[in-house]
Amino acid sequence: MNQIRLKHQSKVSDIVDLGTCIKIENSNKIFQIIGINSKNSICWIREWPLNYESYHKFAISIKKVKLSTICPTVRKKA
């Protein structure tokens, strides 16, 4: 997976997939896609790994997606 998606691709499905992790412009964090609005070319994301006590989701333009990546495995602390 770990491949860079080209901005000029025509279909939203060519750029992002529901449930995948991504990197976005101006951030070193990893985010997970939790919703896609193809009509408006936006997706809803949340920071990965998920904090089950509290997490914030927000919408961004699909144009800001820089890299699609595999979500890292999260291990619980003992």
N, C-alpha and C. Protein backbone atom coordinates (compact mmCIF):
# COMPACT_ATOMS: atom_id res chain seq x y z
N MET A 1 0.85 -1.18 0.00
CA MET A 1 0.00 0.00 0.00
C MET A 1 0.89 1.23 0.00
N ASN A 2 1.17 1.91 1.04
CA ASN A 2 2.11 3.02 1.14
C ASN A 2 2.43 3.72 -0.18
N GLN A 3 1.44 4.10 -0.92
CA GLN A 3 1.71 4.78 -2.17
C GLN A 3 1.13 6.18 -2.16
N ILE A 4 1.83 7.08 -2.81
CA ILE A 4 1.37 8.45 -2.90
C ILE A 4 0.26 8.52 -3.93
N ARG A 5 -0.81 9.19 -3.59
CA ARG A 5 -1.94 9.36 -4.50
C ARG A 5 -1.78 10.67 -5.24
N LEU A 6 -2.06 10.67 -6.52
CA LEU A 6 -1.91 11.87 -7.31
C LEU A 6 -3.14 12.76 -7.19
N LYS A 7 -2.92 14.06 -7.05
CA LYS A 7 -4.02 15.00 -6.87
C LYS A 7 -4.93 15.09 -8.09
N HIS A 8 -4.44 14.80 -9.28
CA HIS A 8 -5.24 14.98 -10.47
C HIS A 8 -6.13 13.78 -10.79
N GLN A 9 -6.15 12.76 -9.93
CA GLN A 9 -7.01 11.62 -10.18
C GLN A 9 -8.47 12.08 -10.11
N SER A 10 -9.32 11.54 -10.97
CA SER A 10 -10.65 12.08 -11.14
C SER A 10 -11.69 11.59 -10.14
N LYS A 11 -11.61 10.37 -9.66
CA LYS A 11 -12.61 9.83 -8.76
C LYS A 11 -12.13 9.89 -7.33
N VAL A 12 -13.08 10.19 -6.43
CA VAL A 12 -12.75 10.22 -5.01
C VAL A 12 -12.23 8.86 -4.58
N SER A 13 -12.82 7.78 -5.09
CA SER A 13 -12.39 6.44 -4.71
C SER A 13 -10.96 6.13 -5.15
N ASP A 14 -10.43 6.89 -6.11
CA ASP A 14 -9.03 6.72 -6.52
C ASP A 14 -8.08 7.38 -5.52
N ILE A 15 -8.59 8.25 -4.69
CA ILE A 15 -7.75 9.02 -3.78
C ILE A 15 -7.82 8.49 -2.35
N VAL A 16 -9.04 8.21 -1.85
CA VAL A 16 -9.21 7.77 -0.47
C VAL A 16 -10.17 6.59 -0.38
N ASP A 17 -10.00 5.80 0.66
CA ASP A 17 -10.88 4.67 0.95
C ASP A 17 -11.31 4.75 2.40
N LEU A 18 -12.55 4.44 2.68
CA LEU A 18 -13.08 4.44 4.04
C LEU A 18 -12.30 3.47 4.91
N GLY A 19 -11.88 3.92 6.09
CA GLY A 19 -11.16 3.08 7.03
C GLY A 19 -9.65 3.11 6.91
N THR A 20 -9.13 3.66 5.81
CA THR A 20 -7.67 3.68 5.66
C THR A 20 -7.06 4.85 6.44
N CYS A 21 -5.80 4.75 6.69
CA CYS A 21 -5.08 5.82 7.35
C CYS A 21 -4.38 6.67 6.30
N ILE A 22 -4.24 7.95 6.63
CA ILE A 22 -3.66 8.91 5.68
C ILE A 22 -2.76 9.89 6.41
N LYS A 23 -1.95 10.56 5.65
CA LYS A 23 -1.21 11.74 6.10
C LYS A 23 -1.80 12.91 5.33
N ILE A 24 -1.84 14.08 5.97
CA ILE A 24 -2.41 15.26 5.33
C ILE A 24 -1.40 16.40 5.32
N GLU A 25 -1.71 17.42 4.52
CA GLU A 25 -0.84 18.60 4.43
C GLU A 25 -0.65 19.22 5.81
N ASN A 26 0.52 19.75 6.07
CA ASN A 26 0.85 20.51 7.28
C ASN A 26 0.69 19.73 8.58
N SER A 27 0.86 18.41 8.55
CA SER A 27 0.78 17.62 9.77
C SER A 27 1.65 16.38 9.63
N ASN A 28 2.29 15.99 10.73
CA ASN A 28 3.07 14.75 10.77
C ASN A 28 2.28 13.61 11.38
N LYS A 29 1.05 13.89 11.81
CA LYS A 29 0.22 12.88 12.46
C LYS A 29 -0.42 11.96 11.42
N ILE A 30 -0.90 10.82 11.91
CA ILE A 30 -1.65 9.88 11.07
C ILE A 30 -3.13 10.02 11.42
N PHE A 31 -3.97 10.00 10.40
CA PHE A 31 -5.40 10.12 10.57
C PHE A 31 -6.10 8.96 9.88
N GLN A 32 -7.30 8.61 10.36
CA GLN A 32 -8.10 7.56 9.74
C GLN A 32 -9.34 8.17 9.11
N ILE A 33 -9.67 7.73 7.91
CA ILE A 33 -10.86 8.22 7.22
C ILE A 33 -12.08 7.49 7.77
N ILE A 34 -13.07 8.27 8.26
CA ILE A 34 -14.27 7.66 8.82
C ILE A 34 -15.53 8.02 8.02
N GLY A 35 -15.38 8.87 7.03
CA GLY A 35 -16.51 9.22 6.18
C GLY A 35 -16.04 9.92 4.92
N ILE A 36 -16.80 9.74 3.84
CA ILE A 36 -16.44 10.35 2.56
C ILE A 36 -17.68 10.98 1.94
N ASN A 37 -17.54 12.22 1.47
CA ASN A 37 -18.59 12.89 0.72
C ASN A 37 -18.04 13.16 -0.67
N SER A 38 -18.36 12.25 -1.59
CA SER A 38 -17.82 12.33 -2.95
C SER A 38 -18.32 13.57 -3.68
N LYS A 39 -19.56 13.94 -3.44
CA LYS A 39 -20.15 15.09 -4.14
C LYS A 39 -19.39 16.37 -3.86
N ASN A 40 -18.98 16.56 -2.62
CA ASN A 40 -18.28 17.78 -2.22
C ASN A 40 -16.76 17.60 -2.11
N SER A 41 -16.26 16.42 -2.43
CA SER A 41 -14.82 16.10 -2.36
C SER A 41 -14.21 16.39 -0.99
N ILE A 42 -14.91 15.93 0.05
CA ILE A 42 -14.38 16.05 1.41
C ILE A 42 -14.42 14.69 2.09
N CYS A 43 -13.61 14.55 3.13
CA CYS A 43 -13.68 13.34 3.94
C CYS A 43 -13.59 13.74 5.40
N TRP A 44 -14.19 12.92 6.26
CA TRP A 44 -14.12 13.13 7.70
C TRP A 44 -13.03 12.22 8.22
N ILE A 45 -12.20 12.78 9.08
CA ILE A 45 -11.07 12.03 9.62
C ILE A 45 -10.99 12.17 11.13
N ARG A 46 -10.26 11.25 11.74
CA ARG A 46 -9.96 11.32 13.17
C ARG A 46 -8.50 10.93 13.34
N GLU A 47 -7.90 11.44 14.39
CA GLU A 47 -6.49 11.14 14.65
C GLU A 47 -6.33 9.67 15.01
N TRP A 48 -5.24 9.07 14.51
CA TRP A 48 -4.93 7.67 14.80
C TRP A 48 -3.70 7.60 15.67
N PRO A 49 -3.60 6.81 16.70
CA PRO A 49 -4.58 5.83 17.15
C PRO A 49 -5.75 6.50 17.87
N LEU A 50 -6.87 5.85 17.85
CA LEU A 50 -8.09 6.38 18.42
C LEU A 50 -8.03 6.38 19.94
N ASN A 51 -8.37 7.51 20.54
CA ASN A 51 -8.50 7.63 21.98
C ASN A 51 -9.98 7.41 22.28
N TYR A 52 -10.32 6.27 22.88
CA TYR A 52 -11.73 5.92 23.08
C TYR A 52 -12.44 6.80 24.09
N GLU A 53 -11.72 7.47 24.95
CA GLU A 53 -12.35 8.36 25.92
C GLU A 53 -12.82 9.64 25.26
N SER A 54 -12.07 10.11 24.31
CA SER A 54 -12.41 11.37 23.65
C SER A 54 -11.66 11.47 22.33
N TYR A 55 -12.38 11.71 21.26
CA TYR A 55 -11.70 11.96 20.00
C TYR A 55 -12.50 12.98 19.20
N HIS A 56 -11.80 13.72 18.40
CA HIS A 56 -12.41 14.75 17.58
C HIS A 56 -12.35 14.31 16.13
N LYS A 57 -13.45 14.50 15.44
CA LYS A 57 -13.47 14.24 14.01
C LYS A 57 -13.67 15.57 13.31
N PHE A 58 -13.13 15.67 12.10
CA PHE A 58 -13.30 16.90 11.34
C PHE A 58 -13.22 16.60 9.86
N ALA A 59 -13.76 17.50 9.08
CA ALA A 59 -13.77 17.33 7.63
C ALA A 59 -12.62 18.10 7.00
N ILE A 60 -12.04 17.52 5.96
CA ILE A 60 -11.01 18.20 5.18
C ILE A 60 -11.28 17.96 3.70
N SER A 61 -10.72 18.81 2.89
CA SER A 61 -10.79 18.61 1.45
C SER A 61 -9.92 17.42 1.08
N ILE A 62 -10.41 16.62 0.18
CA ILE A 62 -9.64 15.46 -0.27
C ILE A 62 -8.34 15.90 -0.92
N LYS A 63 -8.29 17.11 -1.40
CA LYS A 63 -7.06 17.64 -2.00
C LYS A 63 -5.92 17.74 -1.00
N LYS A 64 -6.23 17.75 0.31
CA LYS A 64 -5.20 17.85 1.34
C LYS A 64 -4.60 16.51 1.71
N VAL A 65 -5.14 15.43 1.18
CA VAL A 65 -4.59 14.10 1.46
C VAL A 65 -3.30 13.94 0.68
N LYS A 66 -2.22 13.64 1.40
CA LYS A 66 -0.90 13.51 0.78
C LYS A 66 -0.46 12.07 0.60
N LEU A 67 -0.85 11.19 1.50
CA LEU A 67 -0.33 9.83 1.48
C LEU A 67 -1.35 8.89 2.09
N SER A 68 -1.59 7.79 1.43
CA SER A 68 -2.43 6.73 1.97
C SER A 68 -1.50 5.68 2.55
N THR A 69 -1.78 5.22 3.76
CA THR A 69 -0.87 4.30 4.42
C THR A 69 -1.66 3.26 5.21
N ILE A 70 -1.01 2.20 5.59
CA ILE A 70 -1.63 1.18 6.43
C ILE A 70 -1.68 1.71 7.86
N CYS A 71 -2.82 1.52 8.53
CA CYS A 71 -2.94 1.96 9.92
C CYS A 71 -2.02 1.11 10.79
N PRO A 72 -1.16 1.76 11.59
CA PRO A 72 -0.26 1.00 12.46
C PRO A 72 -1.04 0.22 13.51
N THR A 73 -0.54 -0.93 13.90
CA THR A 73 -1.16 -1.73 14.96
C THR A 73 -0.94 -1.02 16.28
N VAL A 74 -2.01 -0.95 17.06
CA VAL A 74 -1.94 -0.29 18.36
C VAL A 74 -2.00 -1.36 19.45
N ARG A 75 -1.03 -1.32 20.33
CA ARG A 75 -1.02 -2.26 21.45
C ARG A 75 -1.37 -1.52 22.72
N LYS A 76 -2.23 -2.15 23.52
CA LYS A 76 -2.61 -1.55 24.80
C LYS A 76 -1.47 -1.67 25.79
N LYS A 77 -1.32 -0.64 26.61
CA LYS A 77 -0.30 -0.67 27.66
C LYS A 77 -0.80 -1.51 28.81
N ALA A 78 0.10 -2.28 29.40
CA ALA A 78 -0.28 -3.17 30.52
C ALA A 78 -0.35 -2.40 31.80
